[in-house]
Amino acid sequence: MKTAVVILSVFAVALARPQQPRSPDADAQILKYNNENNGPEGYNFDFETSNQITRQEEGKLDNPQAEESNMRVVGSFSYPLPDGKTLKLTFTADENGYRPQFTIS
């Protein structure tokens, strides 16, 4: 009898726990995906999802033959905001640091 009370108590607690709302991004599908690893001289990739998230990035060594070369990376991403607008961020990262710019439209 005690076992039944314990089992029913655990079952009641499990049913009473708050349910997490399902995220609208939970069912997003990948519509496009490209990834090119060009070796130590650079890379590029991009993707797009069914919930309108996009990302693109390309990195290249500025002088691959030099002893001290720098990687220059340019890219962007965008995603829809809850209010229906879209945030788009573009960036450059190189020897001068990371420089982002964004717009909301």
Protein backbone atom coordinates (compact mmCIF):
# COMPACT_ATOMS: atom_id res chain seq x y z
CA MET A 1 0.00 0.00 0.00
CA LYS A 2 2.86 2.38 0.85
CA THR A 3 4.41 1.66 -2.54
CA ALA A 4 1.19 2.60 -4.32
CA VAL A 5 0.99 5.90 -2.40
CA VAL A 6 4.61 6.74 -3.31
CA ILE A 7 4.07 5.88 -6.97
CA LEU A 8 0.86 7.92 -7.14
CA SER A 9 2.59 10.85 -5.41
CA VAL A 10 5.45 10.82 -7.92
CA PHE A 11 2.97 10.55 -10.79
CA ALA A 12 0.95 13.52 -9.44
CA VAL A 13 4.09 15.66 -9.12
CA ALA A 14 5.11 14.79 -12.69
CA LEU A 15 1.70 15.80 -14.02
CA ALA A 16 1.69 19.03 -12.04
CA ARG A 17 5.04 20.33 -13.34
CA PRO A 18 4.75 23.39 -15.59
CA GLN A 19 4.89 22.62 -19.29
CA GLN A 20 7.50 24.44 -21.34
CA PRO A 21 6.06 26.28 -24.33
CA ARG A 22 7.37 24.91 -27.60
CA SER A 23 9.73 27.27 -29.36
CA PRO A 24 8.70 28.27 -32.90
CA ASP A 25 12.29 27.46 -33.95
CA ALA A 26 12.01 23.88 -32.72
CA ASP A 27 10.73 22.62 -36.08
CA ALA A 28 13.00 24.71 -38.34
CA GLN A 29 14.45 22.85 -41.32
CA ILE A 30 17.77 23.51 -43.04
CA LEU A 31 16.98 24.68 -46.58
CA LYS A 32 20.52 25.36 -47.77
CA TYR A 33 23.95 24.47 -46.39
CA ASN A 34 27.36 24.90 -47.99
CA ASN A 35 30.68 24.40 -46.26
CA GLU A 36 33.97 24.62 -48.10
CA ASN A 37 37.06 24.09 -46.05
CA ASN A 38 39.75 25.31 -48.41
CA GLY A 39 42.57 24.39 -46.08
CA PRO A 40 44.85 26.71 -44.18
CA GLU A 41 44.42 29.55 -46.72
CA GLY A 42 40.73 30.02 -46.02
CA TYR A 43 37.18 28.77 -45.77
CA ASN A 44 33.61 29.73 -46.51
CA PHE A 45 30.18 28.57 -45.47
CA ASP A 46 26.57 29.62 -45.63
CA PHE A 47 23.18 28.30 -44.59
CA GLU A 48 19.51 29.18 -44.61
CA THR A 49 16.71 27.77 -42.49
CA SER A 50 12.95 27.56 -42.94
CA ASN A 51 12.43 30.11 -40.15
CA GLN A 52 14.34 32.73 -42.17
CA ILE A 53 17.67 32.57 -40.36
CA THR A 54 20.66 32.98 -42.66
CA ARG A 55 24.43 32.99 -42.11
CA GLN A 56 27.35 33.51 -44.47
CA GLU A 57 31.05 33.74 -43.67
CA GLU A 58 34.32 33.69 -45.58
CA GLY A 59 37.84 33.72 -44.19
CA LYS A 60 41.06 34.17 -46.17
CA LEU A 61 44.68 34.57 -45.23
CA ASP A 62 45.94 37.92 -46.47
CA ASN A 63 49.37 36.54 -47.41
CA PRO A 64 49.52 32.76 -46.99
CA GLN A 65 53.22 32.53 -47.90
CA ALA A 66 54.36 35.03 -45.26
CA GLU A 67 55.62 33.90 -41.87
CA GLU A 68 53.12 36.16 -40.08
CA SER A 69 49.93 36.31 -42.13
CA ASN A 70 46.53 37.51 -40.91
CA MET A 71 43.13 35.96 -41.41
CA ARG A 72 40.50 38.34 -42.78
CA VAL A 73 36.93 37.21 -42.12
CA VAL A 74 33.83 38.82 -43.58
CA GLY A 75 30.31 37.61 -43.05
CA SER A 76 26.73 38.26 -42.18
CA PHE A 77 23.72 36.77 -40.51
CA SER A 78 20.08 37.67 -40.27
CA TYR A 79 17.07 36.48 -38.35
CA PRO A 80 13.48 37.55 -37.82
CA LEU A 81 12.61 39.40 -34.63
CA PRO A 82 9.44 38.72 -32.64
CA ASP A 83 7.91 42.01 -33.86
CA GLY A 84 8.15 40.89 -37.52
CA LYS A 85 11.22 42.95 -38.39
CA THR A 86 14.52 41.39 -39.46
CA LEU A 87 17.89 41.97 -37.84
CA LYS A 88 20.83 41.81 -40.25
CA LEU A 89 24.41 41.99 -39.03
CA THR A 90 27.45 42.22 -41.29
CA PHE A 91 30.98 42.09 -39.96
CA THR A 92 34.65 42.19 -40.79
CA ALA A 93 37.32 40.74 -38.53
CA ASP A 94 41.00 41.21 -39.30
CA GLU A 95 44.18 42.72 -37.86
CA ASN A 96 42.13 45.82 -37.01
CA GLY A 97 39.67 43.88 -34.83
CA TYR A 98 36.02 42.91 -35.13
CA ARG A 99 33.80 45.52 -36.78
CA PRO A 100 30.09 44.73 -36.86
CA GLN A 101 27.31 46.77 -38.45
CA PHE A 102 23.64 45.97 -38.11
CA THR A 103 20.31 47.09 -39.39
CA ILE A 104 16.76 46.32 -38.37
CA SER A 105 14.13 46.58 -41.06
